[in-house]
Every structure is written in structure tokens, then in C-alpha cells.
Amino acid sequence: MSQAIHLTAANFAAEVLKSEKPVLVDLWAPWCGPCKMLAPVLDEIAATDDRFKITKVNTDENPDLAGQFGVHSIPTLLFFKDGEVVDQIVGAVSKKTIVSKLEALTAIPAVSV
């Protein structure tokens, strides 16, 4: 399996917007206590479930990405499907909640153009 992918402005489009898999984007910072609590949960999901792509954005190093999505509190989890944000969670939540949101993404039909 894989591990969480660290995002920057340089790789965001390729890893998230153009991904064929649903993507969870974790916006976090090293000083954030709830972010530290959430990190091992996200790492575990990344390591054990390849249906989804788990990614992380350090908001201290990439404030423009946080601003682009109107993130004012961290941790914020953005759920992408077909390059669009389809759901979000603000704050630390259980693994069950995160997995439930991710599994819901696989049930959403892809938008055809």
C-alpha cells in the first residue's frame, strides 16, 4: 500500500485535481494538537486502503492552498472527487467518520462531460 502524499502548490493539480481516485486533503500545521492526533489515523488509512489517495498540506508552508479553499481552521479535511471538493470536515474526528466519508465518495457517480 502507500503512504500519505505531501502536497505543495507545484504538485497539487497533478495529485488532487487530476486524480482518478477520490482524494482526501488534510490541511494541517506542525503546531496543531488536533492535527497531530489525526495524523496517525490518516497514515493508517493511506497504508491499508488503496481505493483512496490520502494527501497532506502543511498550511504554514503552503498558505495559498489553504486560502484557495477558504480554510480558516485546522485540521480541515477536504474530500475531492473528479477534481472537485464534494465534502469537508473541520476538526479532529474518528477513523470511522473519515472512512465513512471516503466510502461515500466511491458511491458518488462520476460526472460525465
PDB file of N, CA and C in Angstrom:
ATOM      1  N   MET A   1       0.839  -1.180   0.000  1.00  0.00           N
ATOM      2  CA  MET A   1       0.000   0.000   0.000  1.00  0.00           C
ATOM      3  C   MET A   1       0.886   1.246   0.000  1.00  0.00           C
ATOM      4  N   SER A   2       0.264   2.383   0.148  1.00  0.00           N
ATOM      5  CA  SER A   2       1.012   3.629   0.030  1.00  0.00           C
ATOM      6  C   SER A   2       1.004   4.402   1.343  1.00  0.00           C
ATOM      7  N   GLN A   3       1.573   5.574   1.269  1.00  0.00           N
ATOM      8  CA  GLN A   3       1.543   6.465   2.418  1.00  0.00           C
ATOM      9  C   GLN A   3       1.014   7.810   1.963  1.00  0.00           C
ATOM     10  N   ALA A   4       0.713   8.675   2.917  1.00  0.00           N
ATOM     11  CA  ALA A   4       0.171   9.985   2.580  1.00  0.00           C
ATOM     12  C   ALA A   4       1.166  10.763   1.725  1.00  0.00           C
ATOM     13  N   ILE A   5       0.648  11.502   0.773  1.00  0.00           N
ATOM     14  CA  ILE A   5       1.461  12.296  -0.147  1.00  0.00           C
ATOM     15  C   ILE A   5       1.472  13.738   0.343  1.00  0.00           C
ATOM     16  N   HIS A   6       2.658  14.308   0.466  1.00  0.00           N
ATOM     17  CA  HIS A   6       2.783  15.696   0.903  1.00  0.00           C
ATOM     18  C   HIS A   6       2.638  16.612  -0.306  1.00  0.00           C
ATOM     19  N   LEU A   7       1.692  17.533  -0.195  1.00  0.00           N
ATOM     20  CA  LEU A   7       1.371  18.417  -1.312  1.00  0.00           C
ATOM     21  C   LEU A   7       1.992  19.792  -1.166  1.00  0.00           C
ATOM     22  N   THR A   8       2.273  20.384  -2.323  1.00  0.00           N
ATOM     23  CA  THR A   8       2.685  21.777  -2.431  1.00  0.00           C
ATOM     24  C   THR A   8       1.901  22.367  -3.591  1.00  0.00           C
ATOM     25  N   ALA A   9       2.054  23.651  -3.816  1.00  0.00           N
ATOM     26  CA  ALA A   9       1.390  24.275  -4.959  1.00  0.00           C
ATOM     27  C   ALA A   9       1.852  23.614  -6.263  1.00  0.00           C
ATOM     28  N   ALA A  10       3.093  23.139  -6.287  1.00  0.00           N
ATOM     29  CA  ALA A  10       3.665  22.549  -7.504  1.00  0.00           C
ATOM     30  C   ALA A  10       3.024  21.213  -7.889  1.00  0.00           C
ATOM     31  N   ASN A  11       2.644  20.398  -6.907  1.00  0.00           N
ATOM     32  CA  ASN A  11       2.105  19.074  -7.251  1.00  0.00           C
ATOM     33  C   ASN A  11       0.614  18.920  -6.953  1.00  0.00           C
ATOM     34  N   PHE A  12      -0.034  19.967  -6.475  1.00  0.00           N
ATOM     35  CA  PHE A  12      -1.440  19.876  -6.076  1.00  0.00           C
ATOM     36  C   PHE A  12      -2.344  19.448  -7.241  1.00  0.00           C
ATOM     37  N   ALA A  13      -2.233  20.106  -8.368  1.00  0.00           N
ATOM     38  CA  ALA A  13      -3.108  19.789  -9.502  1.00  0.00           C
ATOM     39  C   ALA A  13      -2.937  18.344  -9.954  1.00  0.00           C
ATOM     40  N   ALA A  14      -1.703  17.901 -10.089  1.00  0.00           N
ATOM     41  CA  ALA A  14      -1.449  16.539 -10.564  1.00  0.00           C
ATOM     42  C   ALA A  14      -1.944  15.493  -9.575  1.00  0.00           C
ATOM     43  N   GLU A  15      -1.716  15.722  -8.281  1.00  0.00           N
ATOM     44  CA  GLU A  15      -2.059  14.721  -7.262  1.00  0.00           C
ATOM     45  C   GLU A  15      -3.529  14.746  -6.856  1.00  0.00           C
ATOM     46  N   VAL A  16      -4.171  15.907  -6.933  1.00  0.00           N
ATOM     47  CA  VAL A  16      -5.547  16.031  -6.439  1.00  0.00           C
ATOM     48  C   VAL A  16      -6.541  16.265  -7.571  1.00  0.00           C
ATOM     49  N   LEU A  17      -6.356  17.334  -8.310  1.00  0.00           N
ATOM     50  CA  LEU A  17      -7.348  17.726  -9.303  1.00  0.00           C
ATOM     51  C   LEU A  17      -7.435  16.747 -10.467  1.00  0.00           C
ATOM     52  N   LYS A  18      -6.321  16.100 -10.801  1.00  0.00           N
ATOM     53  CA  LYS A  18      -6.305  15.157 -11.928  1.00  0.00           C
ATOM     54  C   LYS A  18      -6.318  13.692 -11.487  1.00  0.00           C
ATOM     55  N   SER A  19      -6.548  13.451 -10.206  1.00  0.00           N
ATOM     56  CA  SER A  19      -6.532  12.087  -9.683  1.00  0.00           C
ATOM     57  C   SER A  19      -7.742  11.296 -10.161  1.00  0.00           C
ATOM     58  N   GLU A  20      -7.501  10.047 -10.508  1.00  0.00           N
ATOM     59  CA  GLU A  20      -8.600   9.160 -10.883  1.00  0.00           C
ATOM     60  C   GLU A  20      -9.283   8.575  -9.652  1.00  0.00           C
ATOM     61  N   LYS A  21      -8.603   8.616  -8.516  1.00  0.00           N
ATOM     62  CA  LYS A  21      -9.171   8.116  -7.260  1.00  0.00           C
ATOM     63  C   LYS A  21      -9.734   9.286  -6.464  1.00  0.00           C
ATOM     64  N   PRO A  22     -10.696   9.016  -5.573  1.00  0.00           N
ATOM     65  CA  PRO A  22     -11.099  10.049  -4.619  1.00  0.00           C
ATOM     66  C   PRO A  22      -9.891  10.430  -3.754  1.00  0.00           C
ATOM     67  N   VAL A  23      -9.818  11.705  -3.377  1.00  0.00           N
ATOM     68  CA  VAL A  23      -8.664  12.216  -2.638  1.00  0.00           C
ATOM     69  C   VAL A  23      -9.121  12.909  -1.363  1.00  0.00           C
ATOM     70  N   LEU A  24      -8.451  12.596  -0.265  1.00  0.00           N
ATOM     71  CA  LEU A  24      -8.619  13.324   0.980  1.00  0.00           C
ATOM     72  C   LEU A  24      -7.422  14.252   1.108  1.00  0.00           C
ATOM     73  N   VAL A  25      -7.677  15.536   1.309  1.00  0.00           N
ATOM     74  CA  VAL A  25      -6.611  16.512   1.529  1.00  0.00           C
ATOM     75  C   VAL A  25      -6.698  16.961   2.980  1.00  0.00           C
ATOM     76  N   ASP A  26      -5.660  16.671   3.742  1.00  0.00           N
ATOM     77  CA  ASP A  26      -5.560  17.077   5.143  1.00  0.00           C
ATOM     78  C   ASP A  26      -4.763  18.369   5.204  1.00  0.00           C
ATOM     79  N   LEU A  27      -5.418  19.460   5.605  1.00  0.00           N
ATOM     80  CA  LEU A  27      -4.722  20.734   5.808  1.00  0.00           C
ATOM     81  C   LEU A  27      -4.382  20.822   7.286  1.00  0.00           C
ATOM     82  N   TRP A  28      -3.088  20.917   7.586  1.00  0.00           N
ATOM     83  CA  TRP A  28      -2.590  20.804   8.954  1.00  0.00           C
ATOM     84  C   TRP A  28      -1.414  21.741   9.164  1.00  0.00           C
ATOM     85  N   ALA A  29      -0.946  21.797  10.412  1.00  0.00           N
ATOM     86  CA  ALA A  29       0.285  22.535  10.755  1.00  0.00           C
ATOM     87  C   ALA A  29       0.987  21.795  11.881  1.00  0.00           C
ATOM     88  N   PRO A  30       2.316  21.898  11.947  1.00  0.00           N
ATOM     89  CA  PRO A  30       3.088  21.158  12.947  1.00  0.00           C
ATOM     90  C   PRO A  30       2.753  21.531  14.396  1.00  0.00           C
ATOM     91  N   TRP A  31       2.281  22.727  14.640  1.00  0.00           N
ATOM     92  CA  TRP A  31       1.984  23.191  15.995  1.00  0.00           C
ATOM     93  C   TRP A  31       0.566  22.846  16.451  1.00  0.00           C
ATOM     94  N   CYS A  32      -0.236  22.253  15.587  1.00  0.00           N
ATOM     95  CA  CYS A  32      -1.661  21.999  15.841  1.00  0.00           C
ATOM     96  C   CYS A  32      -1.853  20.655  16.552  1.00  0.00           C
ATOM     97  N   GLY A  33      -2.305  20.695  17.802  1.00  0.00           N
ATOM     98  CA  GLY A  33      -2.534  19.479  18.585  1.00  0.00           C
ATOM     99  C   GLY A  33      -3.522  18.516  17.938  1.00  0.00           C
ATOM    100  N   PRO A  34      -4.726  18.973  17.560  1.00  0.00           N
ATOM    101  CA  PRO A  34      -5.670  18.060  16.909  1.00  0.00           C
ATOM    102  C   PRO A  34      -5.130  17.480  15.598  1.00  0.00           C
ATOM    103  N   CYS A  35      -4.293  18.244  14.901  1.00  0.00           N
ATOM    104  CA  CYS A  35      -3.678  17.738  13.666  1.00  0.00           C
ATOM    105  C   CYS A  35      -2.760  16.565  13.980  1.00  0.00           C
ATOM    106  N   LYS A  36      -2.013  16.687  15.080  1.00  0.00           N
ATOM    107  CA  LYS A  36      -1.107  15.607  15.485  1.00  0.00           C
ATOM    108  C   LYS A  36      -1.886  14.357  15.865  1.00  0.00           C
ATOM    109  N   MET A  37      -3.076  14.537  16.460  1.00  0.00           N
ATOM    110  CA  MET A  37      -3.916  13.393  16.825  1.00  0.00           C
ATOM    111  C   MET A  37      -4.455  12.688  15.581  1.00  0.00           C
ATOM    112  N   LEU A  38      -4.739  13.452  14.552  1.00  0.00           N
ATOM    113  CA  LEU A  38      -5.325  12.916  13.330  1.00  0.00           C
ATOM    114  C   LEU A  38      -4.295  12.244  12.425  1.00  0.00           C
ATOM    115  N   ALA A  39      -3.052  12.676  12.486  1.00  0.00           N
ATOM    116  CA  ALA A  39      -2.012  12.193  11.572  1.00  0.00           C
ATOM    117  C   ALA A  39      -1.876  10.670  11.539  1.00  0.00           C
ATOM    118  N   PRO A  40      -1.781   9.974  12.680  1.00  0.00           N
ATOM    119  CA  PRO A  40      -1.625   8.514  12.598  1.00  0.00           C
ATOM    120  C   PRO A  40      -2.846   7.817  12.003  1.00  0.00           C
ATOM    121  N   VAL A  41      -4.021   8.388  12.210  1.00  0.00           N
ATOM    122  CA  VAL A  41      -5.238   7.812  11.635  1.00  0.00           C
ATOM    123  C   VAL A  41      -5.178   7.892  10.114  1.00  0.00           C
ATOM    124  N   LEU A  42      -4.788   9.053   9.598  1.00  0.00           N
ATOM    125  CA  LEU A  42      -4.694   9.224   8.148  1.00  0.00           C
ATOM    126  C   LEU A  42      -3.583   8.360   7.558  1.00  0.00           C
ATOM    127  N   ASP A  43      -2.460   8.259   8.277  1.00  0.00           N
ATOM    128  CA  ASP A  43      -1.369   7.396   7.808  1.00  0.00           C
ATOM    129  C   ASP A  43      -1.821   5.936   7.735  1.00  0.00           C
ATOM    130  N   GLU A  44      -2.619   5.517   8.705  1.00  0.00           N
ATOM    131  CA  GLU A  44      -3.122   4.142   8.711  1.00  0.00           C
ATOM    132  C   GLU A  44      -4.062   3.904   7.528  1.00  0.00           C
ATOM    133  N   ILE A  45      -4.948   4.851   7.265  1.00  0.00           N
ATOM    134  CA  ILE A  45      -5.853   4.711   6.122  1.00  0.00           C
ATOM    135  C   ILE A  45      -5.047   4.637   4.828  1.00  0.00           C
ATOM    136  N   ALA A  46      -4.052   5.513   4.687  1.00  0.00           N
ATOM    137  CA  ALA A  46      -3.215   5.520   3.484  1.00  0.00           C
ATOM    138  C   ALA A  46      -2.492   4.192   3.305  1.00  0.00           C
ATOM    139  N   ALA A  47      -2.057   3.604   4.407  1.00  0.00           N
ATOM    140  CA  ALA A  47      -1.271   2.368   4.343  1.00  0.00           C
ATOM    141  C   ALA A  47      -2.125   1.129   4.108  1.00  0.00           C
ATOM    142  N   THR A  48      -3.415   1.208   4.399  1.00  0.00           N
ATOM    143  CA  THR A  48      -4.232  -0.005   4.343  1.00  0.00           C
ATOM    144  C   THR A  48      -5.341   0.009   3.303  1.00  0.00           C
ATOM    145  N   ASP A  49      -5.587   1.134   2.655  1.00  0.00           N
ATOM    146  CA  ASP A  49      -6.709   1.195   1.708  1.00  0.00           C
ATOM    147  C   ASP A  49      -6.292   1.961   0.457  1.00  0.00           C
ATOM    148  N   ASP A  50      -6.137   1.254  -0.648  1.00  0.00           N
ATOM    149  CA  ASP A  50      -5.661   1.906  -1.871  1.00  0.00           C
ATOM    150  C   ASP A  50      -6.798   2.400  -2.773  1.00  0.00           C
ATOM    151  N   ARG A  51      -8.034   2.373  -2.279  1.00  0.00           N
ATOM    152  CA  ARG A  51      -9.150   2.921  -3.063  1.00  0.00           C
ATOM    153  C   ARG A  51      -9.122   4.445  -3.087  1.00  0.00           C
ATOM    154  N   PHE A  52      -8.395   5.031  -2.139  1.00  0.00           N
ATOM    155  CA  PHE A  52      -8.360   6.478  -1.970  1.00  0.00           C
ATOM    156  C   PHE A  52      -6.920   6.972  -1.957  1.00  0.00           C
ATOM    157  N   LYS A  53      -6.757   8.240  -2.251  1.00  0.00           N
ATOM    158  CA  LYS A  53      -5.456   8.878  -2.131  1.00  0.00           C
ATOM    159  C   LYS A  53      -5.529   9.813  -0.919  1.00  0.00           C
ATOM    160  N   ILE A  54      -4.599   9.641   0.016  1.00  0.00           N
ATOM    161  CA  ILE A  54      -4.542  10.481   1.213  1.00  0.00           C
ATOM    162  C   ILE A  54      -3.378  11.446   1.034  1.00  0.00           C
ATOM    163  N   THR A  55      -3.665  12.743   1.167  1.00  0.00           N
ATOM    164  CA  THR A  55      -2.649  13.764   0.954  1.00  0.00           C
ATOM    165  C   THR A  55      -2.651  14.747   2.118  1.00  0.00           C
ATOM    166  N   LYS A  56      -1.544  15.471   2.259  1.00  0.00           N
ATOM    167  CA  LYS A  56      -1.393  16.422   3.358  1.00  0.00           C
ATOM    168  C   LYS A  56      -0.804  17.729   2.849  1.00  0.00           C
ATOM    169  N   VAL A  57      -1.348  18.841   3.363  1.00  0.00           N
ATOM    170  CA  VAL A  57      -0.836  20.164   3.050  1.00  0.00           C
ATOM    171  C   VAL A  57      -0.455  20.838   4.357  1.00  0.00           C
ATOM    172  N   ASN A  58       0.828  21.154   4.514  1.00  0.00           N
ATOM    173  CA  ASN A  58       1.289  21.923   5.668  1.00  0.00           C
ATOM    174  C   ASN A  58       0.912  23.383   5.392  1.00  0.00           C
ATOM    175  N   THR A  59      -0.057  23.900   6.149  1.00  0.00           N
ATOM    176  CA  THR A  59      -0.566  25.247   5.878  1.00  0.00           C
ATOM    177  C   THR A  59       0.453  26.336   6.213  1.00  0.00           C
ATOM    178  N   ASP A  60       1.411  26.053   7.073  1.00  0.00           N
ATOM    179  CA  ASP A  60       2.470  27.031   7.358  1.00  0.00           C
ATOM    180  C   ASP A  60       3.366  27.218   6.128  1.00  0.00           C
ATOM    181  N   GLU A  61       3.603  26.124   5.406  1.00  0.00           N
ATOM    182  CA  GLU A  61       4.468  26.170   4.230  1.00  0.00           C
ATOM    183  C   GLU A  61       3.705  26.494   2.947  1.00  0.00           C
ATOM    184  N   ASN A  62       2.387  26.288   2.948  1.00  0.00           N
ATOM    185  CA  ASN A  62       1.566  26.484   1.751  1.00  0.00           C
ATOM    186  C   ASN A  62       0.290  27.257   2.072  1.00  0.00           C
ATOM    187  N   PRO A  63       0.419  28.484   2.582  1.00  0.00           N
ATOM    188  CA  PRO A  63      -0.783  29.231   2.971  1.00  0.00           C
ATOM    189  C   PRO A  63      -1.703  29.549   1.797  1.00  0.00           C
ATOM    190  N   ASP A  64      -1.159  29.646   0.599  1.00  0.00           N
ATOM    191  CA  ASP A  64      -2.000  29.951  -0.569  1.00  0.00           C
ATOM    192  C   ASP A  64      -2.991  28.830  -0.859  1.00  0.00           C
ATOM    193  N   LEU A  65      -2.575  27.571  -0.644  1.00  0.00           N
ATOM    194  CA  LEU A  65      -3.502  26.455  -0.861  1.00  0.00           C
ATOM    195  C   LEU A  65      -4.638  26.501   0.152  1.00  0.00           C
ATOM    196  N   ALA A  66      -4.317  26.799   1.398  1.00  0.00           N
ATOM    197  CA  ALA A  66      -5.364  26.914   2.415  1.00  0.00           C
ATOM    198  C   ALA A  66      -6.322  28.043   2.048  1.00  0.00           C
ATOM    199  N   GLY A  67      -5.789  29.168   1.623  1.00  0.00           N
ATOM    200  CA  GLY A  67      -6.607  30.304   1.235  1.00  0.00           C
ATOM    201  C   GLY A  67      -7.479  30.016   0.027  1.00  0.00           C
ATOM    202  N   GLN A  68      -6.945  29.250  -0.908  1.00  0.00           N
ATOM    203  CA  GLN A  68      -7.682  28.907  -2.126  1.00  0.00           C
ATOM    204  C   GLN A  68      -8.989  28.193  -1.807  1.00  0.00           C
ATOM    205  N   PHE A  69      -9.001  27.426  -0.717  1.00  0.00           N
ATOM    206  CA  PHE A  69     -10.189  26.658  -0.351  1.00  0.00           C
ATOM    207  C   PHE A  69     -10.908  27.240   0.868  1.00  0.00           C
ATOM    208  N   GLY A  70     -10.556  28.458   1.251  1.00  0.00           N
ATOM    209  CA  GLY A  70     -11.245  29.132   2.347  1.00  0.00           C
ATOM    210  C   GLY A  70     -11.074  28.473   3.700  1.00  0.00           C
ATOM    211  N   VAL A  71      -9.922  27.852   3.920  1.00  0.00           N
ATOM    212  CA  VAL A  71      -9.671  27.159   5.181  1.00  0.00           C
ATOM    213  C   VAL A  71      -9.248  28.170   6.243  1.00  0.00           C
ATOM    214  N   HIS A  72     -10.021  28.222   7.337  1.00  0.00           N
ATOM    215  CA  HIS A  72      -9.734  29.143   8.430  1.00  0.00           C
ATOM    216  C   HIS A  72      -9.391  28.418   9.727  1.00  0.00           C
ATOM    217  N   SER A  73      -9.696  27.121   9.802  1.00  0.00           N
ATOM    218  CA  SER A  73      -9.408  26.315  10.980  1.00  0.00           C
ATOM    219  C   SER A  73      -8.747  25.016  10.540  1.00  0.00           C
ATOM    220  N   ILE A  74      -7.834  24.542  11.363  1.00  0.00           N
ATOM    221  CA  ILE A  74      -7.196  23.261  11.070  1.00  0.00           C
ATOM    222  C   ILE A  74      -7.316  22.357  12.288  1.00  0.00           C
ATOM    223  N   PRO A  75      -7.345  21.071  12.082  1.00  0.00           N
ATOM    224  CA  PRO A  75      -7.286  20.400  10.788  1.00  0.00           C
ATOM    225  C   PRO A  75      -8.588  20.566  10.003  1.00  0.00           C
ATOM    226  N   THR A  76      -8.433  20.693   8.714  1.00  0.00           N
ATOM    227  CA  THR A  76      -9.565  20.639   7.783  1.00  0.00           C
ATOM    228  C   THR A  76      -9.277  19.526   6.795  1.00  0.00           C
ATOM    229  N   LEU A  77     -10.263  18.664   6.624  1.00  0.00           N
ATOM    230  CA  LEU A  77     -10.155  17.576   5.657  1.00  0.00           C
ATOM    231  C   LEU A  77     -11.077  17.903   4.495  1.00  0.00           C
ATOM    232  N   LEU A  78     -10.509  17.992   3.307  1.00  0.00           N
ATOM    233  CA  LEU A  78     -11.293  18.224   2.098  1.00  0.00           C
ATOM    234  C   LEU A  78     -11.348  16.922   1.315  1.00  0.00           C
ATOM    235  N   PHE A  79     -12.533  16.571   0.856  1.00  0.00           N
ATOM    236  CA  PHE A  79     -12.739  15.340   0.105  1.00  0.00           C
ATOM    237  C   PHE A  79     -13.017  15.705  -1.355  1.00  0.00           C
ATOM    238  N   PHE A  80     -12.129  15.251  -2.242  1.00  0.00           N
ATOM    239  CA  PHE A  80     -12.226  15.563  -3.669  1.00  0.00           C
ATOM    240  C   PHE A  80     -12.652  14.337  -4.462  1.00  0.00           C
ATOM    241  N   LYS A  81     -13.486  14.582  -5.449  1.00  0.00           N
ATOM    242  CA  LYS A  81     -13.822  13.557  -6.443  1.00  0.00           C
ATOM    243  C   LYS A  81     -13.877  14.270  -7.787  1.00  0.00           C
ATOM    244  N   ASP A  82     -13.192  13.717  -8.760  1.00  0.00           N
ATOM    245  CA  ASP A  82     -13.149  14.297 -10.103  1.00  0.00           C
ATOM    246  C   ASP A  82     -12.719  15.761 -10.083  1.00  0.00           C
ATOM    247  N   GLY A  83     -11.750  16.073  -9.210  1.00  0.00           N
ATOM    248  CA  GLY A  83     -11.185  17.420  -9.171  1.00  0.00           C
ATOM    249  C   GLY A  83     -12.010  18.458  -8.440  1.00  0.00           C
ATOM    250  N   GLU A  84     -13.108  18.055  -7.819  1.00  0.00           N
ATOM    251  CA  GLU A  84     -13.984  18.989  -7.114  1.00  0.00           C
ATOM    252  C   GLU A  84     -14.110  18.614  -5.647  1.00  0.00           C
ATOM    253  N   VAL A  85     -14.209  19.628  -4.777  1.00  0.00           N
ATOM    254  CA  VAL A  85     -14.473  19.377  -3.362  1.00  0.00           C
ATOM    255  C   VAL A  85     -15.936  18.956  -3.240  1.00  0.00           C
ATOM    256  N   VAL A  86     -16.169  17.771  -2.670  1.00  0.00           N
ATOM    257  CA  VAL A  86     -17.533  17.286  -2.505  1.00  0.00           C
ATOM    258  C   VAL A  86     -17.949  17.178  -1.043  1.00  0.00           C
ATOM    259  N   ASP A  87     -16.991  17.311  -0.133  1.00  0.00           N
ATOM    260  CA  ASP A  87     -17.310  17.250   1.296  1.00  0.00           C
ATOM    261  C   ASP A  87     -16.125  17.791   2.077  1.00  0.00           C
ATOM    262  N   GLN A  88     -16.358  18.103   3.351  1.00  0.00           N
ATOM    263  CA  GLN A  88     -15.258  18.537   4.210  1.00  0.00           C
ATOM    264  C   GLN A  88     -15.597  18.266   5.663  1.00  0.00           C
ATOM    265  N   ILE A  89     -14.549  18.155   6.465  1.00  0.00           N
ATOM    266  CA  ILE A  89     -14.654  18.020   7.912  1.00  0.00           C
ATOM    267  C   ILE A  89     -13.675  19.011   8.514  1.00  0.00           C
ATOM    268  N   VAL A  90     -14.115  19.744   9.530  1.00  0.00           N
ATOM    269  CA  VAL A  90     -13.225  20.640  10.260  1.00  0.00           C
ATOM    270  C   VAL A  90     -13.087  20.084  11.668  1.00  0.00           C
ATOM    271  N   GLY A  91     -11.838  19.881  12.102  1.00  0.00           N
ATOM    272  CA  GLY A  91     -11.567  19.357  13.436  1.00  0.00           C
ATOM    273  C   GLY A  91     -11.199  17.886  13.389  1.00  0.00           C
ATOM    274  N   ALA A  92     -10.719  17.403  14.522  1.00  0.00           N
ATOM    275  CA  ALA A  92     -10.324  16.001  14.637  1.00  0.00           C
ATOM    276  C   ALA A  92     -11.571  15.143  14.816  1.00  0.00           C
ATOM    277  N   VAL A  93     -11.644  14.065  14.060  1.00  0.00           N
ATOM    278  CA  VAL A  93     -12.774  13.142  14.126  1.00  0.00           C
ATOM    279  C   VAL A  93     -12.239  11.712  14.139  1.00  0.00           C
ATOM    280  N   SER A  94     -13.136  10.770  14.331  1.00  0.00           N
ATOM    281  CA  SER A  94     -12.736   9.365  14.409  1.00  0.00           C
ATOM    282  C   SER A  94     -12.386   8.790  13.037  1.00  0.00           C
ATOM    283  N   LYS A  95     -11.634   7.703  13.066  1.00  0.00           N
ATOM    284  CA  LYS A  95     -11.300   6.989  11.836  1.00  0.00           C
ATOM    285  C   LYS A  95     -12.578   6.533  11.140  1.00  0.00           C
ATOM    286  N   LYS A  96     -13.536   6.078  11.914  1.00  0.00           N
ATOM    287  CA  LYS A  96     -14.804   5.607  11.355  1.00  0.00           C
ATOM    288  C   LYS A  96     -15.492   6.709  10.550  1.00  0.00           C
ATOM    289  N   THR A  97     -15.499   7.923  11.063  1.00  0.00           N
ATOM    290  CA  THR A  97     -16.116   9.048  10.368  1.00  0.00           C
ATOM    291  C   THR A  97     -15.402   9.331   9.058  1.00  0.00           C
ATOM    292  N   ILE A  98     -14.072   9.336   9.093  1.00  0.00           N
ATOM    293  CA  ILE A  98     -13.283   9.613   7.888  1.00  0.00           C
ATOM    294  C   ILE A  98     -13.500   8.532   6.836  1.00  0.00           C
ATOM    295  N   VAL A  99     -13.432   7.280   7.241  1.00  0.00           N
ATOM    296  CA  VAL A  99     -13.616   6.170   6.301  1.00  0.00           C
ATOM    297  C   VAL A  99     -15.024   6.200   5.718  1.00  0.00           C
ATOM    298  N   SER A 100     -16.008   6.532   6.522  1.00  0.00           N
ATOM    299  CA  SER A 100     -17.383   6.624   6.041  1.00  0.00           C
ATOM    300  C   SER A 100     -17.509   7.686   4.946  1.00  0.00           C
ATOM    301  N   LYS A 101     -16.885   8.837   5.157  1.00  0.00           N
ATOM    302  CA  LYS A 101     -16.906   9.903   4.143  1.00  0.00           C
ATOM    303  C   LYS A 101     -16.188   9.458   2.872  1.00  0.00           C
ATOM    304  N   LEU A 102     -15.039   8.789   3.032  1.00  0.00           N
ATOM    305  CA  LEU A 102     -14.297   8.306   1.867  1.00  0.00           C
ATOM    306  C   LEU A 102     -15.099   7.270   1.092  1.00  0.00           C
ATOM    307  N   GLU A 103     -15.724   6.342   1.801  1.00  0.00           N
ATOM    308  CA  GLU A 103     -16.505   5.310   1.126  1.00  0.00           C
ATOM    309  C   GLU A 103     -17.703   5.914   0.396  1.00  0.00           C
ATOM    310  N   ALA A 104     -18.261   6.981   0.933  1.00  0.00           N
ATOM    311  CA  ALA A 104     -19.365   7.663   0.257  1.00  0.00           C
ATOM    312  C   ALA A 104     -18.913   8.218  -1.092  1.00  0.00           C
ATOM    313  N   LEU A 105     -17.632   8.603  -1.185  1.00  0.00           N
ATOM    314  CA  LEU A 105     -17.113   9.127  -2.454  1.00  0.00           C
ATOM    315  C   LEU A 105     -17.122   8.079  -3.552  1.00  0.00           C
ATOM    316  N   THR A 106     -16.911   6.830  -3.194  1.00  0.00           N
ATOM    317  CA  THR A 106     -16.903   5.787  -4.204  1.00  0.00           C
ATOM    318  C   THR A 106     -18.309   5.504  -4.701  1.00  0.00           C
ATOM    319  N   ALA A 107     -19.332   5.904  -3.934  1.00  0.00           N
ATOM    320  CA  ALA A 107     -20.723   5.686  -4.322  1.00  0.00           C
ATOM    321  C   ALA A 107     -21.254   6.829  -5.188  1.00  0.00           C
ATOM    322  N   ILE A 108     -20.550   7.961  -5.190  1.00  0.00           N
ATOM    323  CA  ILE A 108     -20.984   9.098  -5.992  1.00  0.00           C
ATOM    324  C   ILE A 108     -20.594   8.826  -7.444  1.00  0.00           C
ATOM    325  N   PRO A 109     -21.545   8.817  -8.363  1.00  0.00           N
ATOM    326  CA  PRO A 109     -21.184   8.549  -9.749  1.00  0.00           C
ATOM    327  C   PRO A 109     -20.304   9.677 -10.319  1.00  0.00           C
ATOM    328  N   ALA A 110     -19.405   9.287 -11.178  1.00  0.00           N
ATOM    329  CA  ALA A 110     -18.533  10.269 -11.833  1.00  0.00           C
ATOM    330  C   ALA A 110     -19.371  11.134 -12.772  1.00  0.00           C
ATOM    331  N   VAL A 111     -19.014  12.391 -12.843  1.00  0.00           N
ATOM    332  CA  VAL A 111     -19.705  13.330 -13.723  1.00  0.00           C
ATOM    333  C   VAL A 111     -19.170  13.155 -15.141  1.00  0.00           C
ATOM    334  N   SER A 112     -20.062  12.907 -16.083  1.00  0.00           N
ATOM    335  CA  SER A 112     -19.592  12.774 -17.467  1.00  0.00           C
ATOM    336  C   SER A 112     -19.823  14.083 -18.200  1.00  0.00           C
ATOM    337  N   VAL A 113     -18.879  14.433 -19.052  1.00  0.00           N
ATOM    338  CA  VAL A 113     -18.953  15.670 -19.821  1.00  0.00           C
ATOM    339  C   VAL A 113     -19.160  15.412 -21.276  1.00  0.00           C
TER     340      VAL A 113
END
